[in-house]
Amino acid sequence: MTVRPLLEARNLARHFAIRHGNWPRSRKALLRAVDGISLTVMPGRTLGLVGESGCGKSTTGRLLLGLMEPTAGTVRFDGQPLARAGTTEWRAQRQLMQMVYQDPLGALDRRLPVAKQIGEALEIHHPAMPSAEHARRVAEVMEAVGLQAHHGPRYPHELSGGQRQRVVLARALILEPRLLVCDEPISALDVSIQAQVVNLLLDLQERLGLAYVFISHDLRVVRQISHEVAVMYLGRIVEYGEAEALFHAPQHPYTRALLAAIPTVARRQADISLLEGDPPDPVDPPSGCTFRSRCSRAQSLCAQSVPALKPLSDGRHVACHFADSNTAVAAA
């Protein structure tokens, strides 16, 4: 039996018209924040979305949920096209697709007790629910994320960072969604609390069958939690495939540079491979392959044409003109 993808994005793009440069010589320009990406999320699995700051990860997350109108491309959820934001159909779909934000204190209302905020979605989507059932649902979801009853009357500023992130998770889970888009959900937490939240996400996925789009720049956490990984650079996906294959033998030069920057006990500082040059201007990127200005293996072909995201023999996809030759380099 073939399992249908829970979430599909095809040729998704989001461009912004901006003014570029310093006044009075600024000019109109087009910022391609997301530039034609395609990805798939299967039920009960996690897609890790990684890349440098400014590569388009957060914009992609908002596009997947319909929080932002795409310039081009389509998003399908559970086989159905994602409805236009603000419509009745979109609200029904959004009950099954929730967002977990980066800053839990910024995502919560500091004037309301956390139990009230957790149950607020029930009041909106199920206004006829009896109060006893409402209280039971709130208590159940708080318990599921490791919060106790005495946390309910408290305000966000009275909780620790880890507890606040659990409140954000509880609020996202109260409507029993099938997909969570987690936008840097642990970056604002200290290391010990990060581990607790990651373990909680893994436990919830196993118990509830949740699917995640996990957006992060922490590759160690992405490797731990993800089944598939998509690597983004300047609005495009440059490598996409199974997490273990990608981390074991990265094919794209940018992916190799990201993984080489992960600190380990065994790696000496002299062994760290740094990227060459400065990040290009996203409004005026290099011609052809946008990574060529920082790539030690760039050739004339890289400046002439944009590499397509092509499949390799192991099932992963790589956007590099010399992906086949990169295999030997990655293995070495």
Protein backbone atom coordinates (compact mmCIF):
# COMPACT_ATOMS: atom_id res chain seq x y z
CA MET A 1 0.00 0.00 0.00
CA THR A 2 1.41 3.35 -1.08
CA VAL A 3 1.51 6.02 1.64
CA ARG A 4 0.41 9.43 0.43
CA PRO A 5 2.64 12.41 1.34
CA LEU A 6 1.22 14.58 4.09
CA LEU A 7 2.74 17.78 2.71
CA GLU A 8 4.00 18.55 -0.79
CA ALA A 9 5.53 21.76 -2.14
CA ARG A 10 6.24 22.11 -5.85
CA ASN A 11 8.31 24.92 -7.39
CA LEU A 12 7.51 27.14 -4.41
CA ALA A 13 8.78 30.71 -4.66
CA ARG A 14 8.46 33.96 -2.76
CA HIS A 15 9.94 37.18 -4.15
CA PHE A 16 9.95 40.60 -2.50
CA ALA A 17 10.11 43.93 -4.31
CA ILE A 18 12.53 46.11 -2.33
CA ARG A 19 14.73 49.16 -2.67
CA HIS A 20 18.40 48.22 -2.78
CA GLY A 21 21.34 50.42 -1.93
CA ASN A 22 21.75 53.64 0.02
CA TRP A 23 19.58 56.69 -0.52
CA PRO A 24 19.53 58.68 -2.78
CA ARG A 25 21.06 56.13 -5.16
CA SER A 26 18.84 53.25 -4.10
CA ARG A 27 17.04 51.35 -6.83
CA LYS A 28 14.13 48.98 -7.15
CA ALA A 29 15.22 45.35 -6.92
CA LEU A 30 13.82 41.86 -6.50
CA LEU A 31 14.81 39.73 -3.52
CA ARG A 32 14.27 36.03 -4.27
CA ALA A 33 13.88 34.80 -0.69
CA VAL A 34 12.61 31.40 -1.86
CA ASP A 35 13.30 30.57 -5.47
CA GLY A 36 11.51 27.47 -6.75
CA ILE A 37 11.92 24.74 -4.15
CA SER A 38 10.18 21.36 -4.04
CA LEU A 39 9.95 19.09 -1.00
CA THR A 40 7.83 16.33 0.52
CA VAL A 41 6.96 15.43 4.12
CA MET A 42 5.61 11.95 4.83
CA PRO A 43 3.27 11.16 7.76
CA GLY A 44 5.11 10.55 11.02
CA ARG A 45 8.49 11.67 9.67
CA THR A 46 10.70 14.72 10.09
CA LEU A 47 12.18 16.90 7.36
CA GLY A 48 15.12 18.98 8.59
CA LEU A 49 15.60 22.31 6.82
CA VAL A 50 19.10 23.73 7.30
CA GLY A 51 21.29 26.52 5.97
CA GLU A 52 22.93 29.81 6.91
CA SER A 53 20.92 32.72 8.27
CA GLY A 54 19.09 34.49 5.46
CA CYS A 55 18.86 31.47 3.15
CA GLY A 56 15.03 31.41 3.23
CA LYS A 57 14.28 28.71 5.84
CA SER A 58 11.76 30.69 7.89
CA THR A 59 10.07 32.08 4.78
CA THR A 60 9.69 28.51 3.52
CA GLY A 61 8.05 27.49 6.79
CA ARG A 62 5.49 30.27 6.51
CA LEU A 63 4.77 29.41 2.89
CA LEU A 64 4.14 25.78 3.82
CA LEU A 65 1.48 26.85 6.33
CA GLY A 66 -0.14 29.44 4.09
CA LEU A 67 0.88 32.28 6.39
CA MET A 68 2.47 33.98 3.39
CA GLU A 69 1.20 34.12 -0.19
CA PRO A 70 3.63 32.45 -2.63
CA THR A 71 4.81 34.26 -5.73
CA ALA A 72 4.70 30.95 -7.60
CA GLY A 73 4.30 27.26 -6.94
CA THR A 74 1.81 25.14 -5.01
CA VAL A 75 1.44 23.51 -1.60
CA ARG A 76 -0.73 20.45 -1.03
CA PHE A 77 -1.70 19.14 2.40
CA ASP A 78 -3.00 15.58 2.67
CA GLY A 79 -3.59 15.53 -1.07
CA GLN A 80 -5.57 18.79 -1.16
CA PRO A 81 -4.34 22.19 -2.37
CA LEU A 82 -3.64 24.59 0.46
CA ALA A 83 -6.53 27.05 0.59
CA ARG A 84 -6.10 30.81 0.47
CA ALA A 85 -5.26 32.35 3.84
CA GLY A 86 -8.23 33.71 5.77
CA THR A 87 -10.83 31.48 4.14
CA THR A 88 -12.98 28.92 5.98
CA GLU A 89 -11.21 26.09 4.17
CA TRP A 90 -7.79 27.41 5.20
CA ARG A 91 -8.84 27.63 8.86
CA ALA A 92 -10.00 24.01 8.73
CA GLN A 93 -6.63 22.95 7.26
CA ARG A 94 -4.69 25.06 9.74
CA GLN A 95 -6.17 23.10 12.63
CA LEU A 96 -4.06 20.19 11.36
CA MET A 97 -0.93 22.30 10.67
CA GLN A 98 0.62 24.29 13.50
CA MET A 99 3.67 26.49 14.03
CA VAL A 100 6.20 26.33 16.87
CA TYR A 101 8.08 29.62 17.02
CA GLN A 102 11.68 30.39 17.90
CA ASP A 103 11.14 32.70 20.88
CA PRO A 104 8.58 31.20 23.30
CA LEU A 105 8.30 34.39 25.36
CA GLY A 106 7.63 36.44 22.24
CA ALA A 107 5.08 33.90 21.00
CA LEU A 108 3.04 34.01 24.20
CA ASP A 109 0.78 36.75 25.56
CA ARG A 110 2.36 37.97 28.79
CA ARG A 111 -1.02 39.21 30.09
CA LEU A 112 -2.77 35.81 30.09
CA PRO A 113 -2.24 32.67 32.22
CA VAL A 114 -0.71 29.87 30.18
CA ALA A 115 -3.70 27.52 30.64
CA LYS A 116 -5.92 30.20 29.09
CA GLN A 117 -3.55 30.52 26.13
CA ILE A 118 -3.32 26.76 25.63
CA GLY A 119 -7.11 26.44 25.50
CA GLU A 120 -7.72 29.54 23.40
CA ALA A 121 -7.73 27.60 20.11
CA LEU A 122 -10.53 25.37 21.46
CA GLU A 123 -12.63 28.45 22.19
CA ILE A 124 -12.13 29.66 18.62
CA HIS A 125 -12.61 26.41 16.70
CA HIS A 126 -14.97 24.60 19.10
CA PRO A 127 -17.02 27.30 20.83
CA ALA A 128 -19.80 24.86 21.79
CA MET A 129 -17.45 22.54 23.71
CA PRO A 130 -18.61 22.08 27.33
CA SER A 131 -16.36 23.72 29.89
CA ALA A 132 -15.60 20.39 31.61
CA GLU A 133 -14.41 18.89 28.30
CA HIS A 134 -12.41 22.04 27.60
CA ALA A 135 -10.63 21.81 30.96
CA ARG A 136 -9.97 18.09 30.45
CA ARG A 137 -8.39 18.66 27.04
CA VAL A 138 -6.15 21.42 28.38
CA ALA A 139 -5.05 19.25 31.32
CA GLU A 140 -4.30 16.30 29.01
CA VAL A 141 -2.15 18.28 26.60
CA MET A 142 -0.28 19.96 29.46
CA GLU A 143 0.51 16.54 30.89
CA ALA A 144 1.59 15.29 27.46
CA VAL A 145 4.28 17.98 27.22
CA GLY A 146 5.48 17.59 30.81
CA LEU A 147 3.66 20.50 32.46
CA GLN A 148 1.87 20.13 35.78
CA ALA A 149 -1.48 21.51 36.90
CA HIS A 150 0.11 24.25 39.03
CA HIS A 151 1.72 25.73 35.91
CA GLY A 152 -1.69 26.55 34.39
CA PRO A 153 -2.51 29.73 36.38
CA ARG A 154 0.99 31.14 35.94
CA TYR A 155 2.00 33.82 33.46
CA PRO A 156 4.77 33.31 30.87
CA HIS A 157 7.32 35.44 32.75
CA GLU A 158 6.90 33.18 35.79
CA LEU A 159 8.12 30.11 33.87
CA SER A 160 11.58 29.00 32.76
CA GLY A 161 12.57 28.99 29.10
CA GLY A 162 12.02 25.25 28.81
CA GLN A 163 8.60 25.48 30.45
CA ARG A 164 7.58 28.29 28.12
CA GLN A 165 8.58 26.22 25.09
CA ARG A 166 6.46 23.37 26.48
CA VAL A 167 3.53 25.79 26.72
CA VAL A 168 4.06 26.73 23.05
CA LEU A 169 4.08 23.03 22.14
CA ALA A 170 0.93 22.40 24.18
CA ARG A 171 -0.83 25.28 22.44
CA ALA A 172 0.15 23.85 19.07
CA LEU A 173 -1.02 20.33 20.02
CA ILE A 174 -4.40 21.24 21.54
CA LEU A 175 -6.21 20.88 18.19
CA GLU A 176 -4.57 17.48 17.51
CA PRO A 177 -2.60 18.50 14.41
CA ARG A 178 -0.81 16.14 12.04
CA LEU A 179 2.05 18.50 11.15
CA LEU A 180 4.21 20.88 13.18
CA VAL A 181 6.49 23.41 11.52
CA CYS A 182 9.19 24.11 14.12
CA ASP A 183 11.10 27.31 13.36
CA GLU A 184 14.34 27.23 15.40
CA PRO A 185 12.40 25.88 18.42
CA ILE A 186 15.47 25.38 20.64
CA SER A 187 17.86 28.15 19.62
CA ALA A 188 16.76 30.45 22.47
CA LEU A 189 17.30 27.73 25.12
CA ASP A 190 20.42 26.62 26.95
CA VAL A 191 22.00 23.28 26.07
CA SER A 192 20.44 21.17 28.84
CA ILE A 193 16.93 22.49 28.08
CA GLN A 194 17.52 21.97 24.35
CA ALA A 195 18.06 18.26 24.98
CA GLN A 196 14.82 18.06 26.98
CA VAL A 197 12.79 19.73 24.23
CA VAL A 198 14.32 17.54 21.49
CA ASN A 199 13.55 14.39 23.49
CA LEU A 200 10.01 15.67 24.03
CA LEU A 201 9.55 16.21 20.28
CA LEU A 202 10.79 12.69 19.55
CA ASP A 203 8.48 11.23 22.20
CA LEU A 204 5.46 13.14 20.89
CA GLN A 205 6.19 12.00 17.35
CA GLU A 206 6.34 8.37 18.43
CA ARG A 207 3.14 8.56 20.52
CA LEU A 208 1.03 10.80 18.28
CA GLY A 209 2.42 10.07 14.80
CA LEU A 210 3.26 13.73 14.17
CA ALA A 211 5.17 14.94 11.13
CA TYR A 212 7.68 17.77 11.57
CA VAL A 213 9.35 20.36 9.39
CA PHE A 214 12.29 21.15 11.67
CA ILE A 215 14.03 24.42 10.76
CA SER A 216 17.40 24.87 12.42
CA HIS A 217 21.03 25.86 11.96
CA ASP A 218 22.18 23.34 14.59
CA LEU A 219 23.20 20.38 12.44
CA ARG A 220 23.81 18.08 15.40
CA VAL A 221 20.18 18.42 16.49
CA VAL A 222 18.97 18.11 12.90
CA ARG A 223 20.85 14.82 12.54
CA GLN A 224 19.31 13.50 15.75
CA ILE A 225 15.71 14.35 14.94
CA SER A 226 15.40 14.22 11.12
CA HIS A 227 14.60 11.42 8.70
CA GLU A 228 15.26 13.58 5.62
CA VAL A 229 17.24 16.80 5.30
CA ALA A 230 17.05 19.66 2.80
CA VAL A 231 20.01 22.06 2.63
CA MET A 232 19.16 25.58 1.46
CA TYR A 233 21.46 28.24 0.00
CA LEU A 234 20.18 31.65 -1.17
CA GLY A 235 16.57 30.51 -1.53
CA ARG A 236 17.26 27.20 -3.27
CA ILE A 237 17.68 23.62 -2.14
CA VAL A 238 21.18 22.41 -3.04
CA GLU A 239 21.01 18.93 -1.46
CA TYR A 240 18.05 16.82 -0.35
CA GLY A 241 17.87 13.24 0.88
CA GLU A 242 18.00 10.75 3.74
CA ALA A 243 19.62 12.24 6.81
CA GLU A 244 22.16 9.49 7.46
CA ALA A 245 23.33 9.37 3.85
CA LEU A 246 23.65 13.15 3.72
CA PHE A 247 25.60 13.40 6.97
CA HIS A 248 27.78 10.38 6.19
CA ALA A 249 28.80 11.43 2.67
CA PRO A 250 27.64 14.96 1.70
CA GLN A 251 27.71 15.56 -2.04
CA HIS A 252 27.33 19.32 -2.44
CA PRO A 253 30.38 21.48 -1.53
CA TYR A 254 28.17 23.73 0.59
CA THR A 255 26.82 20.78 2.59
CA ARG A 256 30.39 19.54 3.16
CA ALA A 257 31.41 22.99 4.42
CA LEU A 258 28.47 23.11 6.84
CA LEU A 259 29.25 19.67 8.24
CA ALA A 260 32.96 20.45 8.50
CA ALA A 261 32.11 23.37 10.78
CA ILE A 262 30.47 21.12 13.40
CA PRO A 263 32.83 21.06 16.40
CA THR A 264 33.90 17.60 17.51
CA VAL A 265 36.44 16.28 19.99
CA ALA A 266 38.45 14.49 17.31
CA ARG A 267 38.62 17.35 14.79
CA ARG A 268 41.55 19.71 15.07
CA GLN A 269 41.16 23.36 14.16
CA ALA A 270 43.59 22.87 11.25
CA ASP A 271 41.21 20.27 9.78
CA ILE A 272 38.22 22.62 9.64
CA SER A 273 37.40 23.58 6.04
CA LEU A 274 36.19 27.17 5.90
CA LEU A 275 34.16 28.63 3.06
CA GLU A 276 36.05 30.94 0.73
CA GLY A 277 35.00 34.54 0.19
CA ASP A 278 32.02 36.43 1.58
CA PRO A 279 28.35 35.53 1.20
CA PRO A 280 27.05 37.10 -2.04
CA ASP A 281 24.44 39.84 -2.15
CA PRO A 282 21.07 37.99 -2.24
CA VAL A 283 19.60 40.77 -4.40
CA ASP A 284 22.41 40.46 -6.95
CA PRO A 285 23.68 36.84 -6.71
CA PRO A 286 26.37 35.38 -8.99
CA SER A 287 25.29 34.07 -12.38
CA GLY A 288 24.79 30.33 -12.83
CA CYS A 289 25.44 28.48 -9.59
CA THR A 290 25.01 31.00 -6.78
CA PHE A 291 27.52 29.09 -4.64
CA ARG A 292 30.35 29.26 -7.21
CA SER A 293 31.92 32.41 -5.72
CA ARG A 294 32.67 30.45 -2.53
CA CYS A 295 33.37 27.02 -4.05
CA SER A 296 36.93 25.72 -4.41
CA ARG A 297 35.83 23.36 -7.23
CA ALA A 298 34.02 25.95 -9.38
CA GLN A 299 34.68 25.85 -13.13
CA SER A 300 33.54 27.89 -16.11
CA LEU A 301 30.35 25.84 -16.48
CA CYS A 302 29.27 26.96 -13.00
CA ALA A 303 29.06 30.58 -14.16
CA GLN A 304 27.10 29.72 -17.30
CA SER A 305 24.09 27.73 -16.07
CA VAL A 306 22.11 27.06 -12.92
CA PRO A 307 22.57 23.43 -11.80
CA ALA A 308 19.34 21.45 -11.57
CA LEU A 309 18.48 19.39 -8.50
CA LYS A 310 19.22 16.00 -10.04
CA PRO A 311 18.84 12.52 -8.49
CA LEU A 312 21.82 10.36 -7.60
CA SER A 313 22.04 6.58 -7.38
CA ASP A 314 21.38 6.57 -3.61
CA GLY A 315 18.09 8.45 -3.99
CA ARG A 316 19.28 11.84 -2.82
CA HIS A 317 19.11 14.98 -5.01
CA VAL A 318 22.01 17.40 -5.50
CA ALA A 319 22.17 20.72 -7.36
CA CYS A 320 25.78 20.60 -8.57
CA HIS A 321 27.19 20.25 -12.07
CA PHE A 322 29.88 17.94 -10.72
CA ALA A 323 27.89 15.93 -8.19
CA ASP A 324 29.23 12.62 -9.51
CA SER A 325 32.84 13.72 -9.05
CA ASN A 326 31.97 15.04 -5.59
CA THR A 327 31.19 11.47 -4.51
CA ALA A 328 34.84 10.50 -4.45
CA VAL A 329 35.79 13.69 -2.63
CA ALA A 330 33.10 13.15 0.03
CA ALA A 331 34.15 9.54 0.56
CA ALA A 332 37.77 10.59 1.02
